[in-house]
Every structure is written in C-alpha cells, then in structure tokens.
Amino acid sequence: IAVKINYPADWKAGSALEKNKDGYYLADSYDRIVDSPIL
C-alpha cells in the first residue's frame, strides 16, 4: 500500500511509516497501515 495525504503546507506529520521521495507513505500490507497511525 502507498498513501499520499494532501494537507496544509504549514502542518507537520508524524508516523512510524517511511515516505518515498514522492511523498507517499509506504506499507507492505494492510496490516502495516493499520499498525501505523498518522498524526
């Protein structure tokens, strides 16, 4: 799974997930995306 979140430019984002150079959060399965909240 890859996830791109569009949010205001002045926001920060925290998560245990890694991002690729295009700004997508990467998870190897649905279980991992559930296991990784994003604030």
Full PDB file with SEQRES, HELIX, SHEET, SSBOND, CRYST1, ORIGX, SCALE, CONECT and MASTER records, all heavy atoms in Angstrom:
SEQRES   1 A   39  ILE ALA VAL LYS ILE ASN TYR PRO ALA ASP TRP LYS ALA          
SEQRES   2 A   39  GLY SER ALA LEU GLU LYS ASN LYS ASP GLY TYR TYR LEU          
SEQRES   3 A   39  ALA ASP SER TYR ASP ARG ILE VAL ASP SER PRO ILE LEU          
HELIX    1 AA1 TYR A   30  VAL A   34  1                                   5    
SHEET    1 AA1 2 ALA A   2  VAL A   3  0                                        
SHEET    2 AA1 2 TYR A  25  LEU A  26 -1                                        
CRYST1    1.000    1.000    1.000  90.00  90.00  90.00 P 1           1          
ORIGX1      1.000000  0.000000  0.000000        0.00000                         
ORIGX2      0.000000  1.000000  0.000000        0.00000                         
ORIGX3      0.000000  0.000000  1.000000        0.00000                         
SCALE1      1.000000  0.000000  0.000000        0.00000                         
SCALE2      0.000000  1.000000  0.000000        0.00000                         
SCALE3      0.000000  0.000000  1.000000        0.00000                         
ATOM      1  N   ILE A   1       0.856  -1.190   0.000  1.00  0.00           N  
ATOM      2  CA  ILE A   1       0.000   0.000   0.000  1.00  0.00           C  
ATOM      3  C   ILE A   1       0.891   1.238   0.000  1.00  0.00           C  
ATOM      4  O   ILE A   1       1.923   1.285   0.679  1.00  0.00           O  
ATOM      5  CB  ILE A   1      -0.918   0.016   1.237  1.00  0.00           C  
ATOM      6  CG1 ILE A   1      -1.974  -1.086   1.128  1.00  0.00           C  
ATOM      7  CG2 ILE A   1      -1.600   1.366   1.410  1.00  0.00           C  
ATOM      8  CD1 ILE A   1      -2.894  -1.178   2.331  1.00  0.00           C  
ATOM      9  N   ALA A   2       0.488   2.241  -0.777  1.00  0.00           N  
ATOM     10  CA  ALA A   2       1.110   3.560  -0.739  1.00  0.00           C  
ATOM     11  C   ALA A   2       0.019   4.583  -0.451  1.00  0.00           C  
ATOM     12  O   ALA A   2      -1.086   4.484  -0.990  1.00  0.00           O  
ATOM     13  CB  ALA A   2       1.806   3.869  -2.054  1.00  0.00           C  
ATOM     14  N   VAL A   3       0.325   5.550   0.394  1.00  0.00           N  
ATOM     15  CA  VAL A   3      -0.666   6.542   0.796  1.00  0.00           C  
ATOM     16  C   VAL A   3      -0.095   7.944   0.637  1.00  0.00           C  
ATOM     17  O   VAL A   3       0.964   8.257   1.196  1.00  0.00           O  
ATOM     18  CB  VAL A   3      -1.108   6.336   2.261  1.00  0.00           C  
ATOM     19  CG1 VAL A   3      -2.049   7.463   2.698  1.00  0.00           C  
ATOM     20  CG2 VAL A   3      -1.786   4.984   2.433  1.00  0.00           C  
ATOM     21  N   LYS A   4      -0.801   8.769  -0.102  1.00  0.00           N  
ATOM     22  CA  LYS A   4      -0.452  10.191  -0.237  1.00  0.00           C  
ATOM     23  C   LYS A   4      -1.525  10.995   0.498  1.00  0.00           C  
ATOM     24  O   LYS A   4      -2.718  10.809   0.270  1.00  0.00           O  
ATOM     25  CB  LYS A   4      -0.424  10.597  -1.719  1.00  0.00           C  
ATOM     26  CG  LYS A   4      -0.034  12.043  -1.981  1.00  0.00           C  
ATOM     27  CD  LYS A   4       1.429  12.285  -1.656  1.00  0.00           C  
ATOM     28  CE  LYS A   4       1.877  13.677  -2.075  1.00  0.00           C  
ATOM     29  NZ  LYS A   4       1.918  13.841  -3.552  1.00  0.00           N  
ATOM     30  N   ILE A   5      -1.099  11.872   1.396  1.00  0.00           N  
ATOM     31  CA  ILE A   5      -2.034  12.703   2.153  1.00  0.00           C  
ATOM     32  C   ILE A   5      -1.815  14.159   1.760  1.00  0.00           C  
ATOM     33  O   ILE A   5      -0.692  14.683   1.873  1.00  0.00           O  
ATOM     34  CB  ILE A   5      -1.846  12.527   3.668  1.00  0.00           C  
ATOM     35  CG1 ILE A   5      -1.992  11.055   4.056  1.00  0.00           C  
ATOM     36  CG2 ILE A   5      -2.868  13.375   4.429  1.00  0.00           C  
ATOM     37  CD1 ILE A   5      -1.747  10.780   5.523  1.00  0.00           C  
ATOM     38  N   ASN A   6      -2.856  14.804   1.294  1.00  0.00           N  
ATOM     39  CA  ASN A   6      -2.791  16.224   0.943  1.00  0.00           C  
ATOM     40  C   ASN A   6      -3.248  17.036   2.151  1.00  0.00           C  
ATOM     41  O   ASN A   6      -4.388  16.917   2.593  1.00  0.00           O  
ATOM     42  CB  ASN A   6      -3.679  16.518  -0.265  1.00  0.00           C  
ATOM     43  CG  ASN A   6      -3.249  15.724  -1.489  1.00  0.00           C  
ATOM     44  OD1 ASN A   6      -2.061  15.561  -1.745  1.00  0.00           O  
ATOM     45  ND2 ASN A   6      -4.221  15.219  -2.246  1.00  0.00           N  
ATOM     46  N   TYR A   7      -2.347  17.838   2.696  1.00  0.00           N  
ATOM     47  CA  TYR A   7      -2.668  18.607   3.895  1.00  0.00           C  
ATOM     48  C   TYR A   7      -2.003  19.984   3.809  1.00  0.00           C  
ATOM     49  O   TYR A   7      -1.109  20.207   2.965  1.00  0.00           O  
ATOM     50  CB  TYR A   7      -2.227  17.855   5.152  1.00  0.00           C  
ATOM     51  CG  TYR A   7      -0.776  17.444   5.193  1.00  0.00           C  
ATOM     52  CD1 TYR A   7       0.205  18.289   5.715  1.00  0.00           C  
ATOM     53  CD2 TYR A   7      -0.373  16.185   4.747  1.00  0.00           C  
ATOM     54  CE1 TYR A   7       1.534  17.912   5.770  1.00  0.00           C  
ATOM     55  CE2 TYR A   7       0.951  15.797   4.804  1.00  0.00           C  
ATOM     56  CZ  TYR A   7       1.904  16.663   5.318  1.00  0.00           C  
ATOM     57  OH  TYR A   7       3.220  16.278   5.368  1.00  0.00           O  
ATOM     58  N   PRO A   8      -2.399  20.934   4.668  1.00  0.00           N  
ATOM     59  CA  PRO A   8      -1.844  22.291   4.596  1.00  0.00           C  
ATOM     60  C   PRO A   8      -0.320  22.301   4.686  1.00  0.00           C  
ATOM     61  O   PRO A   8       0.287  21.517   5.418  1.00  0.00           O  
ATOM     62  CB  PRO A   8      -2.475  22.990   5.808  1.00  0.00           C  
ATOM     63  CG  PRO A   8      -3.773  22.279   5.999  1.00  0.00           C  
ATOM     64  CD  PRO A   8      -3.491  20.842   5.662  1.00  0.00           C  
ATOM     65  N   ALA A   9       0.291  23.212   3.964  1.00  0.00           N  
ATOM     66  CA  ALA A   9       1.745  23.254   3.850  1.00  0.00           C  
ATOM     67  C   ALA A   9       2.430  23.541   5.175  1.00  0.00           C  
ATOM     68  O   ALA A   9       3.589  23.137   5.383  1.00  0.00           O  
ATOM     69  CB  ALA A   9       2.144  24.312   2.815  1.00  0.00           C  
ATOM     70  N   ASP A  10       1.746  24.219   6.099  1.00  0.00           N  
ATOM     71  CA  ASP A  10       2.379  24.556   7.376  1.00  0.00           C  
ATOM     72  C   ASP A  10       2.182  23.478   8.443  1.00  0.00           C  
ATOM     73  O   ASP A  10       2.593  23.657   9.588  1.00  0.00           O  
ATOM     74  CB  ASP A  10       1.867  25.906   7.889  1.00  0.00           C  
ATOM     75  CG  ASP A  10       0.353  25.923   8.091  1.00  0.00           C  
ATOM     76  OD1 ASP A  10      -0.328  25.007   7.582  1.00  0.00           O  
ATOM     77  OD2 ASP A  10      -0.147  26.864   8.745  1.00  0.00           O  
ATOM     78  N   TRP A  11       1.551  22.364   8.093  1.00  0.00           N  
ATOM     79  CA  TRP A  11       1.380  21.262   9.033  1.00  0.00           C  
ATOM     80  C   TRP A  11       2.626  20.377   9.053  1.00  0.00           C  
ATOM     81  O   TRP A  11       3.360  20.270   8.056  1.00  0.00           O  
ATOM     82  CB  TRP A  11       0.186  20.396   8.647  1.00  0.00           C  
ATOM     83  CG  TRP A  11      -1.151  20.961   9.014  1.00  0.00           C  
ATOM     84  CD1 TRP A  11      -1.436  22.251   9.367  1.00  0.00           C  
ATOM     85  CD2 TRP A  11      -2.381  20.253   9.045  1.00  0.00           C  
ATOM     86  NE1 TRP A  11      -2.770  22.388   9.616  1.00  0.00           N  
ATOM     87  CE2 TRP A  11      -3.388  21.170   9.427  1.00  0.00           C  
ATOM     88  CE3 TRP A  11      -2.753  18.933   8.793  1.00  0.00           C  
ATOM     89  CZ2 TRP A  11      -4.726  20.813   9.562  1.00  0.00           C  
ATOM     90  CZ3 TRP A  11      -4.076  18.568   8.912  1.00  0.00           C  
ATOM     91  CH2 TRP A  11      -5.057  19.508   9.303  1.00  0.00           C  
ATOM     92  N   LYS A  12       2.845  19.711  10.180  1.00  0.00           N  
ATOM     93  CA  LYS A  12       3.812  18.632  10.283  1.00  0.00           C  
ATOM     94  C   LYS A  12       3.061  17.312  10.355  1.00  0.00           C  
ATOM     95  O   LYS A  12       1.882  17.286  10.709  1.00  0.00           O  
ATOM     96  CB  LYS A  12       4.684  18.796  11.534  1.00  0.00           C  
ATOM     97  CG  LYS A  12       5.630  19.974  11.509  1.00  0.00           C  
ATOM     98  CD  LYS A  12       6.462  20.025  12.786  1.00  0.00           C  
ATOM     99  CE  LYS A  12       7.407  21.216  12.772  1.00  0.00           C  
ATOM    100  NZ  LYS A  12       8.196  21.307  14.030  1.00  0.00           N  
ATOM    101  N   ALA A  13       3.760  16.235  10.037  1.00  0.00           N  
ATOM    102  CA  ALA A  13       3.142  14.909  10.100  1.00  0.00           C  
ATOM    103  C   ALA A  13       4.070  13.957  10.836  1.00  0.00           C  
ATOM    104  O   ALA A  13       5.286  13.950  10.598  1.00  0.00           O  
ATOM    105  CB  ALA A  13       2.844  14.380   8.700  1.00  0.00           C  
ATOM    106  N   GLY A  14       3.501  13.165  11.743  1.00  0.00           N  
ATOM    107  CA  GLY A  14       4.273  12.183  12.478  1.00  0.00           C  
ATOM    108  C   GLY A  14       3.719  10.788  12.274  1.00  0.00           C  
ATOM    109  O   GLY A  14       2.510  10.574  12.377  1.00  0.00           O  
ATOM    110  N   SER A  15       4.597   9.832  12.005  1.00  0.00           N  
ATOM    111  CA  SER A  15       4.188   8.443  11.816  1.00  0.00           C  
ATOM    112  C   SER A  15       5.424   7.564  11.835  1.00  0.00           C  
ATOM    113  O   SER A  15       6.536   8.030  11.549  1.00  0.00           O  
ATOM    114  CB  SER A  15       3.450   8.256  10.484  1.00  0.00           C  
ATOM    115  OG  SER A  15       3.126   6.888  10.266  1.00  0.00           O  
ATOM    116  N   ALA A  16       5.235   6.287  12.161  1.00  0.00           N  
ATOM    117  CA  ALA A  16       6.338   5.334  12.075  1.00  0.00           C  
ATOM    118  C   ALA A  16       6.576   4.883  10.644  1.00  0.00           C  
ATOM    119  O   ALA A  16       7.600   4.251  10.353  1.00  0.00           O  
ATOM    120  CB  ALA A  16       6.054   4.128  12.959  1.00  0.00           C  
ATOM    121  N   LEU A  17       5.656   5.200   9.735  1.00  0.00           N  
ATOM    122  CA  LEU A  17       5.821   4.822   8.338  1.00  0.00           C  
ATOM    123  C   LEU A  17       6.901   5.667   7.673  1.00  0.00           C  
ATOM    124  O   LEU A  17       7.087   6.844   8.002  1.00  0.00           O  
ATOM    125  CB  LEU A  17       4.503   4.999   7.577  1.00  0.00           C  
ATOM    126  CG  LEU A  17       3.367   4.036   7.926  1.00  0.00           C  
ATOM    127  CD1 LEU A  17       2.083   4.489   7.239  1.00  0.00           C  
ATOM    128  CD2 LEU A  17       3.715   2.609   7.526  1.00  0.00           C  
ATOM    129  N   GLU A  18       7.572   5.075   6.693  1.00  0.00           N  
ATOM    130  CA  GLU A  18       8.548   5.807   5.897  1.00  0.00           C  
ATOM    131  C   GLU A  18       7.870   6.411   4.675  1.00  0.00           C  
ATOM    132  O   GLU A  18       6.897   5.868   4.152  1.00  0.00           O  
ATOM    133  CB  GLU A  18       9.667   4.864   5.442  1.00  0.00           C  
ATOM    134  CG  GLU A  18      10.447   4.214   6.573  1.00  0.00           C  
ATOM    135  CD  GLU A  18      11.406   5.181   7.254  1.00  0.00           C  
ATOM    136  OE1 GLU A  18      11.563   6.314   6.753  1.00  0.00           O  
ATOM    137  OE2 GLU A  18      11.977   4.803   8.289  1.00  0.00           O  
ATOM    138  N   LYS A  19       8.402   7.545   4.210  1.00  0.00           N  
ATOM    139  CA  LYS A  19       7.919   8.167   2.979  1.00  0.00           C  
ATOM    140  C   LYS A  19       8.938   7.961   1.865  1.00  0.00           C  
ATOM    141  O   LYS A  19      10.152   7.943   2.119  1.00  0.00           O  
ATOM    142  CB  LYS A  19       7.729   9.675   3.181  1.00  0.00           C  
ATOM    143  CG  LYS A  19       6.402  10.104   3.749  1.00  0.00           C  
ATOM    144  CD  LYS A  19       6.323  11.631   3.752  1.00  0.00           C  
ATOM    145  CE  LYS A  19       4.996  12.124   4.286  1.00  0.00           C  
ATOM    146  NZ  LYS A  19       4.921  13.614   4.266  1.00  0.00           N  
ATOM    147  N   ASN A  20       8.438   7.847   0.606  1.00  0.00           N  
ATOM    148  CA  ASN A  20       9.361   7.837  -0.520  1.00  0.00           C  
ATOM    149  C   ASN A  20       9.587   9.267  -1.010  1.00  0.00           C  
ATOM    150  O   ASN A  20       9.026  10.230  -0.462  1.00  0.00           O  
ATOM    151  CB  ASN A  20       8.875   6.907  -1.630  1.00  0.00           C  
ATOM    152  CG  ASN A  20       7.622   7.421  -2.325  1.00  0.00           C  
ATOM    153  OD1 ASN A  20       7.122   8.514  -2.045  1.00  0.00           O  
ATOM    154  ND2 ASN A  20       7.101   6.622  -3.249  1.00  0.00           N  
ATOM    155  N   LYS A  21      10.393   9.441  -2.037  1.00  0.00           N  
ATOM    156  CA  LYS A  21      10.749  10.777  -2.497  1.00  0.00           C  
ATOM    157  C   LYS A  21       9.557  11.540  -3.066  1.00  0.00           C  
ATOM    158  O   LYS A  21       9.588  12.780  -3.157  1.00  0.00           O  
ATOM    159  CB  LYS A  21      11.849  10.688  -3.566  1.00  0.00           C  
ATOM    160  CG  LYS A  21      11.464   9.913  -4.817  1.00  0.00           C  
ATOM    161  CD  LYS A  21      12.622   9.824  -5.780  1.00  0.00           C  
ATOM    162  CE  LYS A  21      12.259   9.031  -7.020  1.00  0.00           C  
ATOM    163  NZ  LYS A  21      11.171   9.647  -7.798  1.00  0.00           N  
ATOM    164  N   ASP A  22       8.496  10.841  -3.412  1.00  0.00           N  
ATOM    165  CA  ASP A  22       7.303  11.488  -3.954  1.00  0.00           C  
ATOM    166  C   ASP A  22       6.272  11.803  -2.874  1.00  0.00           C  
ATOM    167  O   ASP A  22       5.166  12.260  -3.179  1.00  0.00           O  
ATOM    168  CB  ASP A  22       6.661  10.594  -5.026  1.00  0.00           C  
ATOM    169  CG  ASP A  22       7.583  10.381  -6.219  1.00  0.00           C  
ATOM    170  OD1 ASP A  22       8.198  11.369  -6.660  1.00  0.00           O  
ATOM    171  OD2 ASP A  22       7.702   9.237  -6.692  1.00  0.00           O  
ATOM    172  N   GLY A  23       6.615  11.549  -1.624  1.00  0.00           N  
ATOM    173  CA  GLY A  23       5.722  11.912  -0.529  1.00  0.00           C  
ATOM    174  C   GLY A  23       4.693  10.870  -0.178  1.00  0.00           C  
ATOM    175  O   GLY A  23       3.733  11.160   0.547  1.00  0.00           O  
ATOM    176  N   TYR A  24       4.854   9.627  -0.657  1.00  0.00           N  
ATOM    177  CA  TYR A  24       3.918   8.549  -0.334  1.00  0.00           C  
ATOM    178  C   TYR A  24       4.415   7.778   0.900  1.00  0.00           C  
ATOM    179  O   TYR A  24       5.577   7.379   0.958  1.00  0.00           O  
ATOM    180  CB  TYR A  24       3.789   7.570  -1.501  1.00  0.00           C  
ATOM    181  CG  TYR A  24       2.968   8.082  -2.657  1.00  0.00           C  
ATOM    182  CD1 TYR A  24       3.549   8.857  -3.655  1.00  0.00           C  
ATOM    183  CD2 TYR A  24       1.611   7.777  -2.751  1.00  0.00           C  
ATOM    184  CE1 TYR A  24       2.794   9.325  -4.726  1.00  0.00           C  
ATOM    185  CE2 TYR A  24       0.850   8.240  -3.820  1.00  0.00           C  
ATOM    186  CZ  TYR A  24       1.456   9.021  -4.804  1.00  0.00           C  
ATOM    187  OH  TYR A  24       0.698   9.480  -5.849  1.00  0.00           O  
ATOM    188  N   TYR A  25       3.508   7.585   1.858  1.00  0.00           N  
ATOM    189  CA  TYR A  25       3.798   6.655   2.942  1.00  0.00           C  
ATOM    190  C   TYR A  25       3.717   5.238   2.394  1.00  0.00           C  
ATOM    191  O   TYR A  25       2.795   4.908   1.630  1.00  0.00           O  
ATOM    192  CB  TYR A  25       2.791   6.804   4.075  1.00  0.00           C  
ATOM    193  CG  TYR A  25       2.945   8.067   4.886  1.00  0.00           C  
ATOM    194  CD1 TYR A  25       2.065   9.135   4.717  1.00  0.00           C  
ATOM    195  CD2 TYR A  25       3.959   8.194   5.831  1.00  0.00           C  
ATOM    196  CE1 TYR A  25       2.200  10.294   5.464  1.00  0.00           C  
ATOM    197  CE2 TYR A  25       4.101   9.353   6.587  1.00  0.00           C  
ATOM    198  CZ  TYR A  25       3.222  10.399   6.396  1.00  0.00           C  
ATOM    199  OH  TYR A  25       3.361  11.537   7.138  1.00  0.00           O  
ATOM    200  N   LEU A  26       4.672   4.384   2.786  1.00  0.00           N  
ATOM    201  CA  LEU A  26       4.757   3.034   2.234  1.00  0.00           C  
ATOM    202  C   LEU A  26       4.512   1.989   3.321  1.00  0.00           C  
ATOM    203  O   LEU A  26       5.076   2.064   4.412  1.00  0.00           O  
ATOM    204  CB  LEU A  26       6.135   2.803   1.619  1.00  0.00           C  
ATOM    205  CG  LEU A  26       6.597   3.859   0.593  1.00  0.00           C  
ATOM    206  CD1 LEU A  26       7.996   3.528   0.119  1.00  0.00           C  
ATOM    207  CD2 LEU A  26       5.622   3.942  -0.571  1.00  0.00           C  
ATOM    208  N   ALA A  27       3.666   1.027   2.995  1.00  0.00           N  
ATOM    209  CA  ALA A  27       3.393  -0.084   3.909  1.00  0.00           C  
ATOM    210  C   ALA A  27       3.366  -1.365   3.100  1.00  0.00           C  
ATOM    211  O   ALA A  27       2.854  -1.386   1.980  1.00  0.00           O  
ATOM    212  CB  ALA A  27       2.063   0.118   4.629  1.00  0.00           C  
ATOM    213  N   ASP A  28       3.897  -2.442   3.671  1.00  0.00           N  
ATOM    214  CA  ASP A  28       3.973  -3.685   2.905  1.00  0.00           C  
ATOM    215  C   ASP A  28       2.680  -4.480   2.917  1.00  0.00           C  
ATOM    216  O   ASP A  28       2.590  -5.510   2.258  1.00  0.00           O  
ATOM    217  CB  ASP A  28       5.139  -4.556   3.390  1.00  0.00           C  
ATOM    218  CG  ASP A  28       5.052  -4.877   4.873  1.00  0.00           C  
ATOM    219  OD1 ASP A  28       4.040  -4.518   5.507  1.00  0.00           O  
ATOM    220  OD2 ASP A  28       6.006  -5.488   5.398  1.00  0.00           O  
ATOM    221  N   SER A  29       1.667  -3.997   3.668  1.00  0.00           N  
ATOM    222  CA  SER A  29       0.385  -4.708   3.715  1.00  0.00           C  
ATOM    223  C   SER A  29      -0.651  -3.818   4.375  1.00  0.00           C  
ATOM    224  O   SER A  29      -0.327  -2.774   4.965  1.00  0.00           O  
ATOM    225  CB  SER A  29       0.518  -6.011   4.523  1.00  0.00           C  
ATOM    226  OG  SER A  29       0.784  -5.706   5.884  1.00  0.00           O  
ATOM    227  N   TYR A  30      -1.904  -4.241   4.303  1.00  0.00           N  
ATOM    228  CA  TYR A  30      -2.969  -3.533   5.011  1.00  0.00           C  
ATOM    229  C   TYR A  30      -2.734  -3.593   6.513  1.00  0.00           C  
ATOM    230  O   TYR A  30      -2.966  -2.600   7.224  1.00  0.00           O  
ATOM    231  CB  TYR A  30      -4.321  -4.158   4.655  1.00  0.00           C  
ATOM    232  CG  TYR A  30      -5.501  -3.473   5.319  1.00  0.00           C  
ATOM    233  CD1 TYR A  30      -5.973  -2.253   4.841  1.00  0.00           C  
ATOM    234  CD2 TYR A  30      -6.138  -4.039   6.415  1.00  0.00           C  
ATOM    235  CE1 TYR A  30      -7.051  -1.614   5.435  1.00  0.00           C  
ATOM    236  CE2 TYR A  30      -7.210  -3.415   7.022  1.00  0.00           C  
ATOM    237  CZ  TYR A  30      -7.668  -2.208   6.522  1.00  0.00           C  
ATOM    238  OH  TYR A  30      -8.724  -1.584   7.141  1.00  0.00           O  
ATOM    239  N   ASP A  31      -2.249  -4.725   7.004  1.00  0.00           N  
ATOM    240  CA  ASP A  31      -1.971  -4.846   8.435  1.00  0.00           C  
ATOM    241  C   ASP A  31      -1.003  -3.768   8.899  1.00  0.00           C  
ATOM    242  O   ASP A  31      -1.165  -3.186   9.980  1.00  0.00           O  
ATOM    243  CB  ASP A  31      -1.387  -6.224   8.742  1.00  0.00           C  
ATOM    244  CG  ASP A  31      -2.360  -7.351   8.466  1.00  0.00           C  
ATOM    245  OD1 ASP A  31      -2.739  -7.522   7.289  1.00  0.00           O  
ATOM    246  OD2 ASP A  31      -2.741  -8.066   9.406  1.00  0.00           O  
ATOM    247  N   ARG A  32       0.005  -3.481   8.073  1.00  0.00           N  
ATOM    248  CA  ARG A  32       1.010  -2.486   8.471  1.00  0.00           C  
ATOM    249  C   ARG A  32       0.418  -1.075   8.456  1.00  0.00           C  
ATOM    250  O   ARG A  32       0.756  -0.258   9.320  1.00  0.00           O  
ATOM    251  CB  ARG A  32       2.221  -2.561   7.540  1.00  0.00           C  
ATOM    252  CG  ARG A  32       3.333  -1.572   7.912  1.00  0.00           C  
ATOM    253  CD  ARG A  32       3.927  -1.858   9.277  1.00  0.00           C  
ATOM    254  NE  ARG A  32       4.816  -0.809   9.737  1.00  0.00           N  
ATOM    255  CZ  ARG A  32       6.096  -0.689   9.410  1.00  0.00           C  
ATOM    256  NH1 ARG A  32       6.645  -1.577   8.584  1.00  0.00           N  
ATOM    257  NH2 ARG A  32       6.831   0.283   9.886  1.00  0.00           N  
ATOM    258  N   ILE A  33      -0.458  -0.769   7.528  1.00  0.00           N  
ATOM    259  CA  ILE A  33      -1.040   0.579   7.504  1.00  0.00           C  
ATOM    260  C   ILE A  33      -1.955   0.764   8.715  1.00  0.00           C  
ATOM    261  O   ILE A  33      -2.037   1.846   9.296  1.00  0.00           O  
ATOM    262  CB  ILE A  33      -1.795   0.841   6.180  1.00  0.00           C  
ATOM    263  CG1 ILE A  33      -1.874   2.361   5.893  1.00  0.00           C  
ATOM    264  CG2 ILE A  33      -3.192   0.280   6.166  1.00  0.00           C  
ATOM    265  CD1 ILE A  33      -0.600   2.972   5.445  1.00  0.00           C  
ATOM    266  N   VAL A  34      -2.621  -0.308   9.147  1.00  0.00           N  
ATOM    267  CA  VAL A  34      -3.445  -0.240  10.355  1.00  0.00           C  
ATOM    268  C   VAL A  34      -2.560  -0.103  11.588  1.00  0.00           C  
ATOM    269  O   VAL A  34      -2.938   0.540  12.570  1.00  0.00           O  
ATOM    270  CB  VAL A  34      -4.340  -1.493  10.464  1.00  0.00           C  
ATOM    271  CG1 VAL A  34      -5.052  -1.551  11.808  1.00  0.00           C  
ATOM    272  CG2 VAL A  34      -5.357  -1.509   9.330  1.00  0.00           C  
ATOM    273  N   ASP A  35      -1.391  -0.672  11.519  1.00  0.00           N  
ATOM    274  CA  ASP A  35      -0.449  -0.672  12.643  1.00  0.00           C  
ATOM    275  C   ASP A  35       0.339   0.638  12.752  1.00  0.00           C  
ATOM    276  O   ASP A  35       1.211   0.759  13.604  1.00  0.00           O  
ATOM    277  CB  ASP A  35       0.534  -1.832  12.461  1.00  0.00           C  
ATOM    278  CG  ASP A  35       1.310  -2.152  13.723  1.00  0.00           C  
ATOM    279  OD1 ASP A  35       0.777  -1.942  14.830  1.00  0.00           O  
ATOM    280  OD2 ASP A  35       2.466  -2.613  13.601  1.00  0.00           O  
ATOM    281  N   SER A  36       0.008   1.620  11.901  1.00  0.00           N  
ATOM    282  CA  SER A  36       0.841   2.830  11.816  1.00  0.00           C  
ATOM    283  C   SER A  36      -0.014   4.095  11.757  1.00  0.00           C  
ATOM    284  O   SER A  36      -0.260   4.640  10.679  1.00  0.00           O  
ATOM    285  CB  SER A  36       1.733   2.750  10.576  1.00  0.00           C  
ATOM    286  OG  SER A  36       2.471   1.546  10.550  1.00  0.00           O  
ATOM    287  N   PRO A  37      -0.495   4.598  12.897  1.00  0.00           N  
ATOM    288  CA  PRO A  37      -1.290   5.824  12.893  1.00  0.00           C  
ATOM    289  C   PRO A  37      -0.469   7.024  12.406  1.00  0.00           C  
ATOM    290  O   PRO A  37       0.770   7.018  12.489  1.00  0.00           O  
ATOM    291  CB  PRO A  37      -1.694   5.986  14.358  1.00  0.00           C  
ATOM    292  CG  PRO A  37      -0.645   5.252  15.126  1.00  0.00           C  
ATOM    293  CD  PRO A  37      -0.256   4.092  14.268  1.00  0.00           C  
ATOM    294  N   ILE A  38      -1.186   8.032  11.939  1.00  0.00           N  
ATOM    295  CA  ILE A  38      -0.547   9.253  11.434  1.00  0.00           C  
ATOM    296  C   ILE A  38      -1.206  10.447  12.117  1.00  0.00           C  
ATOM    297  O   ILE A  38      -2.432  10.600  12.070  1.00  0.00           O  
ATOM    298  CB  ILE A  38      -0.691   9.375   9.902  1.00  0.00           C  
ATOM    299  CG1 ILE A  38      -0.142   8.118   9.216  1.00  0.00           C  
ATOM    300  CG2 ILE A  38       0.029  10.617   9.389  1.00  0.00           C  
ATOM    301  CD1 ILE A  38      -0.451   8.050   7.725  1.00  0.00           C  
ATOM    302  N   LEU A  39      -0.407  11.266  12.764  1.00  0.00           N  
ATOM    303  CA  LEU A  39      -0.884  12.499  13.392  1.00  0.00           C  
ATOM    304  C   LEU A  39      -0.334  13.674  12.596  1.00  0.00           C  
ATOM    305  O   LEU A  39       0.877  13.741  12.333  1.00  0.00           O  
ATOM    306  CB  LEU A  39      -0.415  12.572  14.845  1.00  0.00           C  
ATOM    307  CG  LEU A  39      -0.841  13.802  15.651  1.00  0.00           C  
ATOM    308  CD1 LEU A  39      -2.358  13.842  15.831  1.00  0.00           C  
ATOM    309  CD2 LEU A  39      -0.150  13.809  17.026  1.00  0.00           C  
TER     310      LEU A  39                                                      
MASTER        0    0    0    1    2    0    0    6  309    1    0    3          
END                                                                             
